[in-house]
Amino acid sequence: MSKKINVLIVDDSAVVRQVLTAMLEEDPAIHVMGAAADPIFAMERMRREWPDVIVLDVEMPRMDGISFLRKIMAERPTPVVICSTLTEAGAETTMQALSAGAVSIVTKPKIGLKRFLQDSTSDIAGAVKAAAQANVRRLAPQAQKVAPKLTADAVLPPGHGGALAQTTERIVAIGTSTGGTQALEAVLTALPRVCPGIVIVQHMPEKFTAAFAERLNGLSRIEVREAQNNDRVMPGRALIAPGGKHMLLKRSGAQYFVEVVDGPLVNRHRPSVDVLFRSVAKVAGKNAVGIIMTGMGDDGAAGLLEMRNARAYTVAQDEATCVVFGMPKEAIKRGAAEKILPLQAIPGVIVNG
């Protein structure tokens, strides 16, 4: 029998500690080794036994969750799942948590908390199990949401057509998930001000993407923004699909723009990398570059293959530099990646093709 995942819950709410403990213990793969009301108590418990995964609140007495997270990552990197109240005002705090090394985010409401936690058992247990598999040396990631698995057909029909034979503008499409927040920061901050237009799907909950884009915009020489419907894709600009919406590439004359649409979850995600990649294959064809990076699951693998079949240049991030080698591995297995490259080589691909 395989070893259970030892989980430590750190939350100042007695209700949250009680409900999370009960629901996680229902999963045969998980053992809750303890629950602490704040990071100081947690550290005392961790001196006796170190957890495999920590489920951590952000707002707590004596030491906040982000300070505790940074301390853990500096001293002994350990997978951490943030379980925190999501508000517009708190989005920047959540981005700080992701930047500090949290593996994924589970959002909890201020009202109806107990019911929400009970209804989200599979999501939270899934996030814990995904976190336990993360490469903690390269941490910084995203929650995986369990849902019926649909293909890109649910949003955009397959087939070619619509791409110009040759244009002066190249389009770069990037898809990423767990580990992607740090990977995208590494890539986008390395780009010069003049570079091809970029469209990005990063698996991320609704309301996080605006803060994420704003943060990257402040760090990068290029413009980075959360995409809005009809935004132009142009050199020196990166558009990040908003959480909770699909993003498709469209063309008007020789100019590219994005369409932001509702739709069902595709590969259990909205936005979906497969949806973006399929649209790029159809609209940009060989004028595009497709890049799939760190992430769990297989979203983007089929779409990258469609891009390669449309004569786009396709790249997968290598295993050594991925937090989770799921999405790139699946793309490579399907023959979708023309090149397999380390993270540090990807900015050069974007600039030079």
Foldseek 3Di string as FASTA:
>chain_A
DDAAFEEEEEALDPLCQVLLQVLLVVDPRHHHPYYHNHLVVVVVVVVVPNGQEYEYEADGPPDGGLVSLLVCLVPPQHAYEYEYADDLVCLLVVVSSLVSFHQEYHHAHPPPRSVVSVVCSVQVSVQRVVSSLWDRVLGRFYGFFDDDAAALCQPDNFDAAAADPDDPAFEEEEEEGGSVLVLVLLQQQPAAQFFGFYEYEYFYAASNVQSSQVVSCVRHSARGGADDAFAWRGTRYYYYDGHQWAKEWHDDVRTIGIGTHHTDAHRRGVHFLLNHLRRCCRNHQQSYEYEYEADADATNLVSLQSNVVSNHAYEYEDPVQHRHCHHSVSNVVVVSHPYYYHSNCVNVVRHPD
